[in-house]
Amino acid sequence: MRTVKLLVGAYVALSVLTLAAIVLLRNNHTIVTDAAWVRATIVVLSSLLTLLFTRQAASGSQRGFLRLRIVSAAMLVAIAVIIWLPGLFPLWLRIEQGVCGLALLGVVILVNGRQLRAEFSQIH
């Protein structure tokens, strides 16, 4: 779970920094669109949920582990859609989402891997 925690921590940090950048650049409407505000807010909230589920899983919670598996996969799919939708989001946000997606891809691979699933299947 150590690597999962690091990847989720990176996802949270990048999400929060992105929202902070949006706040700072809010008057530049070519860089900060309404869609960027909405997306960044959703990503921060989902990253914090992912962090919560990671902590629950790290403490041995099967439900936390299942929730982590679900939310990380769902957000990875959402990020893939965001990246490929033409024109809806600024290029810089799509790049940032790509980096978040790479972190979540690592999480998805690890939490759906044989080793972690086996460890959680033995917890009662």
N, C-alpha and C. Protein backbone atom coordinates (compact mmCIF):
# COMPACT_ATOMS: atom_id res chain seq x y z
N MET A 1 0.82 -1.20 0.00
CA MET A 1 0.00 0.00 0.00
C MET A 1 0.86 1.27 0.00
N ARG A 2 2.14 1.12 0.27
CA ARG A 2 3.01 2.30 0.33
C ARG A 2 3.01 3.08 -0.98
N THR A 3 3.16 2.38 -2.09
CA THR A 3 3.19 3.04 -3.39
C THR A 3 1.82 3.65 -3.71
N VAL A 4 0.75 2.95 -3.34
CA VAL A 4 -0.60 3.48 -3.55
C VAL A 4 -0.74 4.80 -2.79
N LYS A 5 -0.28 4.83 -1.54
CA LYS A 5 -0.37 6.06 -0.74
C LYS A 5 0.41 7.20 -1.40
N LEU A 6 1.59 6.90 -1.92
CA LEU A 6 2.39 7.94 -2.59
C LEU A 6 1.70 8.46 -3.85
N LEU A 7 1.14 7.57 -4.64
CA LEU A 7 0.46 7.97 -5.86
C LEU A 7 -0.79 8.80 -5.56
N VAL A 8 -1.55 8.37 -4.56
CA VAL A 8 -2.75 9.13 -4.18
C VAL A 8 -2.35 10.48 -3.60
N GLY A 9 -1.28 10.51 -2.82
CA GLY A 9 -0.79 11.78 -2.29
C GLY A 9 -0.40 12.74 -3.40
N ALA A 10 0.23 12.23 -4.44
CA ALA A 10 0.59 13.06 -5.60
C ALA A 10 -0.66 13.57 -6.31
N TYR A 11 -1.65 12.72 -6.44
CA TYR A 11 -2.92 13.08 -7.07
C TYR A 11 -3.60 14.21 -6.28
N VAL A 12 -3.63 14.08 -4.96
CA VAL A 12 -4.23 15.12 -4.11
C VAL A 12 -3.44 16.42 -4.24
N ALA A 13 -2.14 16.34 -4.13
CA ALA A 13 -1.30 17.55 -4.18
C ALA A 13 -1.47 18.27 -5.51
N LEU A 14 -1.43 17.55 -6.60
CA LEU A 14 -1.57 18.17 -7.92
C LEU A 14 -2.96 18.78 -8.09
N SER A 15 -3.97 18.09 -7.58
CA SER A 15 -5.34 18.61 -7.68
C SER A 15 -5.51 19.90 -6.90
N VAL A 16 -4.98 19.94 -5.70
CA VAL A 16 -5.10 21.14 -4.86
C VAL A 16 -4.29 22.29 -5.47
N LEU A 17 -3.09 21.99 -5.96
CA LEU A 17 -2.27 23.03 -6.59
C LEU A 17 -2.94 23.59 -7.85
N THR A 18 -3.61 22.73 -8.59
CA THR A 18 -4.32 23.18 -9.79
C THR A 18 -5.45 24.12 -9.43
N LEU A 19 -6.22 23.76 -8.40
CA LEU A 19 -7.30 24.63 -7.98
C LEU A 19 -6.75 25.96 -7.46
N ALA A 20 -5.65 25.91 -6.74
CA ALA A 20 -5.01 27.15 -6.26
C ALA A 20 -4.56 28.03 -7.44
N ALA A 21 -4.00 27.41 -8.47
CA ALA A 21 -3.59 28.16 -9.66
C ALA A 21 -4.79 28.79 -10.35
N ILE A 22 -5.89 28.07 -10.39
CA ILE A 22 -7.11 28.60 -10.99
C ILE A 22 -7.60 29.83 -10.21
N VAL A 23 -7.54 29.74 -8.90
CA VAL A 23 -7.94 30.88 -8.07
C VAL A 23 -7.05 32.08 -8.37
N LEU A 24 -5.75 31.85 -8.43
CA LEU A 24 -4.80 32.94 -8.68
C LEU A 24 -4.96 33.55 -10.07
N LEU A 25 -5.31 32.73 -11.05
CA LEU A 25 -5.42 33.20 -12.44
C LEU A 25 -6.86 33.43 -12.88
N ARG A 26 -7.76 33.53 -11.94
CA ARG A 26 -9.20 33.59 -12.22
C ARG A 26 -9.61 34.73 -13.16
N ASN A 27 -8.83 35.78 -13.24
CA ASN A 27 -9.19 36.91 -14.09
C ASN A 27 -8.75 36.74 -15.54
N ASN A 28 -7.99 35.70 -15.82
CA ASN A 28 -7.56 35.41 -17.19
C ASN A 28 -8.50 34.35 -17.76
N HIS A 29 -9.52 34.80 -18.47
CA HIS A 29 -10.59 33.90 -18.91
C HIS A 29 -10.20 33.02 -20.10
N THR A 30 -9.04 33.24 -20.69
CA THR A 30 -8.59 32.31 -21.73
C THR A 30 -7.90 31.11 -21.09
N ILE A 31 -7.31 31.31 -19.92
CA ILE A 31 -6.64 30.22 -19.20
C ILE A 31 -7.61 29.52 -18.26
N VAL A 32 -8.44 30.31 -17.60
CA VAL A 32 -9.36 29.76 -16.60
C VAL A 32 -10.79 29.92 -17.12
N THR A 33 -11.33 28.82 -17.60
CA THR A 33 -12.71 28.82 -18.11
C THR A 33 -13.65 28.34 -17.00
N ASP A 34 -14.94 28.52 -17.22
CA ASP A 34 -15.93 28.00 -16.27
C ASP A 34 -15.80 26.49 -16.13
N ALA A 35 -15.55 25.83 -17.25
CA ALA A 35 -15.40 24.37 -17.22
C ALA A 35 -14.18 23.96 -16.38
N ALA A 36 -13.11 24.75 -16.43
CA ALA A 36 -11.92 24.46 -15.63
C ALA A 36 -12.23 24.57 -14.14
N TRP A 37 -12.99 25.60 -13.76
CA TRP A 37 -13.39 25.76 -12.35
C TRP A 37 -14.16 24.53 -11.87
N VAL A 38 -15.14 24.13 -12.64
CA VAL A 38 -15.98 23.00 -12.25
C VAL A 38 -15.16 21.72 -12.17
N ARG A 39 -14.38 21.47 -13.19
CA ARG A 39 -13.59 20.23 -13.23
C ARG A 39 -12.58 20.19 -12.10
N ALA A 40 -11.88 21.28 -11.86
CA ALA A 40 -10.87 21.31 -10.81
C ALA A 40 -11.49 21.10 -9.43
N THR A 41 -12.65 21.67 -9.20
CA THR A 41 -13.33 21.49 -7.92
C THR A 41 -13.74 20.03 -7.73
N ILE A 42 -14.28 19.42 -8.77
CA ILE A 42 -14.66 18.01 -8.70
C ILE A 42 -13.44 17.14 -8.45
N VAL A 43 -12.34 17.45 -9.11
CA VAL A 43 -11.13 16.64 -8.96
C VAL A 43 -10.57 16.75 -7.55
N VAL A 44 -10.58 17.94 -6.97
CA VAL A 44 -10.10 18.08 -5.59
C VAL A 44 -10.96 17.24 -4.66
N LEU A 45 -12.27 17.33 -4.81
CA LEU A 45 -13.16 16.55 -3.94
C LEU A 45 -12.95 15.05 -4.12
N SER A 46 -12.84 14.62 -5.36
CA SER A 46 -12.64 13.19 -5.60
C SER A 46 -11.27 12.72 -5.12
N SER A 47 -10.27 13.59 -5.23
CA SER A 47 -8.94 13.20 -4.75
C SER A 47 -8.94 13.05 -3.22
N LEU A 48 -9.68 13.92 -2.55
CA LEU A 48 -9.78 13.80 -1.09
C LEU A 48 -10.55 12.54 -0.69
N LEU A 49 -11.58 12.19 -1.44
CA LEU A 49 -12.27 10.91 -1.19
C LEU A 49 -11.34 9.73 -1.43
N THR A 50 -10.57 9.82 -2.49
CA THR A 50 -9.60 8.76 -2.79
C THR A 50 -8.60 8.62 -1.66
N LEU A 51 -8.15 9.73 -1.12
CA LEU A 51 -7.23 9.72 0.02
C LEU A 51 -7.88 9.07 1.24
N LEU A 52 -9.13 9.42 1.51
CA LEU A 52 -9.86 8.81 2.62
C LEU A 52 -9.95 7.30 2.45
N PHE A 53 -10.33 6.85 1.27
CA PHE A 53 -10.45 5.41 1.02
C PHE A 53 -9.09 4.72 1.09
N THR A 54 -8.04 5.41 0.67
CA THR A 54 -6.69 4.85 0.77
C THR A 54 -6.31 4.64 2.23
N ARG A 55 -6.60 5.62 3.05
CA ARG A 55 -6.30 5.50 4.48
C ARG A 55 -7.11 4.37 5.11
N GLN A 56 -8.38 4.27 4.74
CA GLN A 56 -9.20 3.18 5.27
C GLN A 56 -8.63 1.82 4.85
N ALA A 57 -8.27 1.70 3.59
CA ALA A 57 -7.71 0.44 3.09
C ALA A 57 -6.39 0.13 3.78
N ALA A 58 -5.56 1.14 3.97
CA ALA A 58 -4.26 0.94 4.61
C ALA A 58 -4.42 0.47 6.06
N SER A 59 -5.56 0.82 6.67
CA SER A 59 -5.80 0.36 8.04
C SER A 59 -6.50 -1.00 8.07
N GLY A 60 -6.70 -1.60 6.90
CA GLY A 60 -7.25 -2.95 6.84
C GLY A 60 -8.72 -3.05 6.49
N SER A 61 -9.35 -1.93 6.14
CA SER A 61 -10.78 -1.94 5.82
C SER A 61 -11.03 -2.51 4.43
N GLN A 62 -11.80 -3.61 4.38
CA GLN A 62 -12.17 -4.18 3.09
C GLN A 62 -13.08 -3.23 2.31
N ARG A 63 -13.99 -2.56 3.01
CA ARG A 63 -14.87 -1.60 2.34
C ARG A 63 -14.07 -0.43 1.78
N GLY A 64 -13.12 0.05 2.57
CA GLY A 64 -12.26 1.13 2.09
C GLY A 64 -11.49 0.70 0.85
N PHE A 65 -11.01 -0.55 0.86
CA PHE A 65 -10.27 -1.08 -0.29
C PHE A 65 -11.18 -1.16 -1.52
N LEU A 66 -12.39 -1.66 -1.34
CA LEU A 66 -13.34 -1.75 -2.46
C LEU A 66 -13.67 -0.35 -2.99
N ARG A 67 -13.93 0.58 -2.09
CA ARG A 67 -14.22 1.96 -2.51
C ARG A 67 -13.03 2.57 -3.26
N LEU A 68 -11.83 2.29 -2.78
CA LEU A 68 -10.63 2.79 -3.46
C LEU A 68 -10.55 2.22 -4.87
N ARG A 69 -10.83 0.95 -5.01
CA ARG A 69 -10.80 0.33 -6.34
C ARG A 69 -11.83 0.97 -7.27
N ILE A 70 -13.01 1.23 -6.75
CA ILE A 70 -14.09 1.79 -7.57
C ILE A 70 -13.80 3.24 -7.95
N VAL A 71 -13.48 4.07 -6.97
CA VAL A 71 -13.31 5.50 -7.25
C VAL A 71 -12.08 5.76 -8.11
N SER A 72 -11.01 5.01 -7.91
CA SER A 72 -9.81 5.23 -8.74
C SER A 72 -10.08 4.85 -10.19
N ALA A 73 -10.80 3.77 -10.41
CA ALA A 73 -11.13 3.36 -11.78
C ALA A 73 -12.10 4.35 -12.43
N ALA A 74 -13.11 4.79 -11.67
CA ALA A 74 -14.09 5.73 -12.22
C ALA A 74 -13.43 7.05 -12.59
N MET A 75 -12.56 7.55 -11.73
CA MET A 75 -11.89 8.82 -12.02
C MET A 75 -10.92 8.68 -13.19
N LEU A 76 -10.29 7.52 -13.31
CA LEU A 76 -9.40 7.30 -14.45
C LEU A 76 -10.18 7.36 -15.76
N VAL A 77 -11.35 6.76 -15.79
CA VAL A 77 -12.20 6.82 -16.98
C VAL A 77 -12.64 8.26 -17.25
N ALA A 78 -13.05 8.96 -16.21
CA ALA A 78 -13.48 10.37 -16.37
C ALA A 78 -12.34 11.23 -16.91
N ILE A 79 -11.14 10.99 -16.43
CA ILE A 79 -9.98 11.74 -16.90
C ILE A 79 -9.69 11.44 -18.37
N ALA A 80 -9.81 10.18 -18.75
CA ALA A 80 -9.59 9.82 -20.16
C ALA A 80 -10.59 10.55 -21.06
N VAL A 81 -11.84 10.65 -20.62
CA VAL A 81 -12.86 11.36 -21.40
C VAL A 81 -12.50 12.85 -21.49
N ILE A 82 -12.09 13.44 -20.37
CA ILE A 82 -11.73 14.87 -20.34
C ILE A 82 -10.60 15.15 -21.33
N ILE A 83 -9.61 14.29 -21.34
CA ILE A 83 -8.45 14.50 -22.21
C ILE A 83 -8.86 14.45 -23.68
N TRP A 84 -9.77 13.57 -24.02
CA TRP A 84 -10.12 13.37 -25.42
C TRP A 84 -11.27 14.23 -25.91
N LEU A 85 -11.98 14.92 -25.01
CA LEU A 85 -13.05 15.82 -25.47
C LEU A 85 -12.43 17.06 -26.11
N PRO A 86 -12.72 17.31 -27.36
CA PRO A 86 -12.12 18.47 -28.01
C PRO A 86 -12.78 19.78 -27.58
N GLY A 87 -11.94 20.76 -27.23
CA GLY A 87 -12.40 22.11 -27.02
C GLY A 87 -13.09 22.45 -25.70
N LEU A 88 -13.47 21.48 -24.90
CA LEU A 88 -14.21 21.78 -23.68
C LEU A 88 -13.31 22.34 -22.59
N PHE A 89 -12.09 21.85 -22.51
CA PHE A 89 -11.16 22.28 -21.47
C PHE A 89 -9.89 22.84 -22.09
N PRO A 90 -9.26 23.81 -21.41
CA PRO A 90 -7.99 24.35 -21.92
C PRO A 90 -6.92 23.25 -21.97
N LEU A 91 -5.99 23.41 -22.88
CA LEU A 91 -4.93 22.42 -23.07
C LEU A 91 -4.16 22.17 -21.77
N TRP A 92 -3.85 23.22 -21.02
CA TRP A 92 -3.07 23.06 -19.79
C TRP A 92 -3.80 22.16 -18.80
N LEU A 93 -5.14 22.27 -18.74
CA LEU A 93 -5.91 21.44 -17.81
C LEU A 93 -5.94 19.99 -18.28
N ARG A 94 -6.01 19.80 -19.58
CA ARG A 94 -5.99 18.43 -20.11
C ARG A 94 -4.64 17.77 -19.83
N ILE A 95 -3.56 18.54 -19.91
CA ILE A 95 -2.24 18.01 -19.58
C ILE A 95 -2.17 17.66 -18.10
N GLU A 96 -2.66 18.56 -17.24
CA GLU A 96 -2.68 18.30 -15.80
C GLU A 96 -3.50 17.06 -15.50
N GLN A 97 -4.63 16.92 -16.17
CA GLN A 97 -5.46 15.74 -15.96
C GLN A 97 -4.75 14.47 -16.43
N GLY A 98 -3.94 14.60 -17.46
CA GLY A 98 -3.14 13.46 -17.92
C GLY A 98 -2.17 13.00 -16.85
N VAL A 99 -1.54 13.95 -16.17
CA VAL A 99 -0.61 13.60 -15.09
C VAL A 99 -1.38 12.94 -13.94
N CYS A 100 -2.54 13.52 -13.59
CA CYS A 100 -3.38 12.89 -12.55
C CYS A 100 -3.78 11.48 -12.99
N GLY A 101 -4.10 11.35 -14.26
CA GLY A 101 -4.48 10.04 -14.80
C GLY A 101 -3.36 9.02 -14.69
N LEU A 102 -2.13 9.45 -14.90
CA LEU A 102 -1.00 8.52 -14.76
C LEU A 102 -0.87 8.04 -13.32
N ALA A 103 -1.04 8.96 -12.36
CA ALA A 103 -0.99 8.56 -10.95
C ALA A 103 -2.12 7.57 -10.65
N LEU A 104 -3.31 7.87 -11.14
CA LEU A 104 -4.44 6.98 -10.88
C LEU A 104 -4.30 5.65 -11.62
N LEU A 105 -3.68 5.66 -12.78
CA LEU A 105 -3.44 4.41 -13.49
C LEU A 105 -2.57 3.49 -12.63
N GLY A 106 -1.55 4.06 -12.01
CA GLY A 106 -0.72 3.28 -11.10
C GLY A 106 -1.52 2.72 -9.95
N VAL A 107 -2.41 3.54 -9.39
CA VAL A 107 -3.27 3.09 -8.29
C VAL A 107 -4.16 1.95 -8.76
N VAL A 108 -4.80 2.13 -9.90
CA VAL A 108 -5.71 1.11 -10.43
C VAL A 108 -4.98 -0.20 -10.66
N ILE A 109 -3.80 -0.12 -11.22
CA ILE A 109 -3.01 -1.34 -11.47
C ILE A 109 -2.68 -2.04 -10.16
N LEU A 110 -2.24 -1.26 -9.17
CA LEU A 110 -1.84 -1.86 -7.89
C LEU A 110 -3.01 -2.43 -7.11
N VAL A 111 -4.11 -1.67 -7.00
CA VAL A 111 -5.23 -2.15 -6.18
C VAL A 111 -6.01 -3.26 -6.85
N ASN A 112 -5.83 -3.42 -8.13
CA ASN A 112 -6.49 -4.53 -8.82
C ASN A 112 -5.52 -5.67 -9.10
N GLY A 113 -4.30 -5.52 -8.61
CA GLY A 113 -3.30 -6.57 -8.79
C GLY A 113 -3.54 -7.74 -7.86
N ARG A 114 -2.96 -8.82 -8.21
CA ARG A 114 -3.15 -10.07 -7.48
C ARG A 114 -2.73 -9.96 -6.01
N GLN A 115 -1.61 -9.29 -5.75
CA GLN A 115 -1.08 -9.24 -4.39
C GLN A 115 -2.01 -8.53 -3.42
N LEU A 116 -2.43 -7.31 -3.74
CA LEU A 116 -3.30 -6.57 -2.82
C LEU A 116 -4.68 -7.20 -2.72
N ARG A 117 -5.23 -7.67 -3.82
CA ARG A 117 -6.53 -8.33 -3.74
C ARG A 117 -6.46 -9.56 -2.86
N ALA A 118 -5.36 -10.31 -2.94
CA ALA A 118 -5.20 -11.49 -2.10
C ALA A 118 -5.09 -11.11 -0.63
N GLU A 119 -4.36 -10.05 -0.35
CA GLU A 119 -4.22 -9.60 1.05
C GLU A 119 -5.58 -9.20 1.63
N PHE A 120 -6.40 -8.52 0.85
CA PHE A 120 -7.70 -8.07 1.36
C PHE A 120 -8.72 -9.18 1.37
N SER A 121 -8.55 -10.19 0.58
CA SER A 121 -9.50 -11.31 0.61
C SER A 121 -9.30 -12.16 1.87
N GLN A 122 -8.13 -12.06 2.50
CA GLN A 122 -7.85 -12.81 3.71
C GLN A 122 -8.28 -12.09 4.97
N ILE A 123 -8.63 -10.82 4.87
CA ILE A 123 -9.06 -10.05 6.03
C ILE A 123 -10.54 -10.32 6.27
N HIS A 124 -10.89 -10.62 7.48
CA HIS A 124 -12.32 -10.87 7.80
C HIS A 124 -12.81 -9.90 8.79
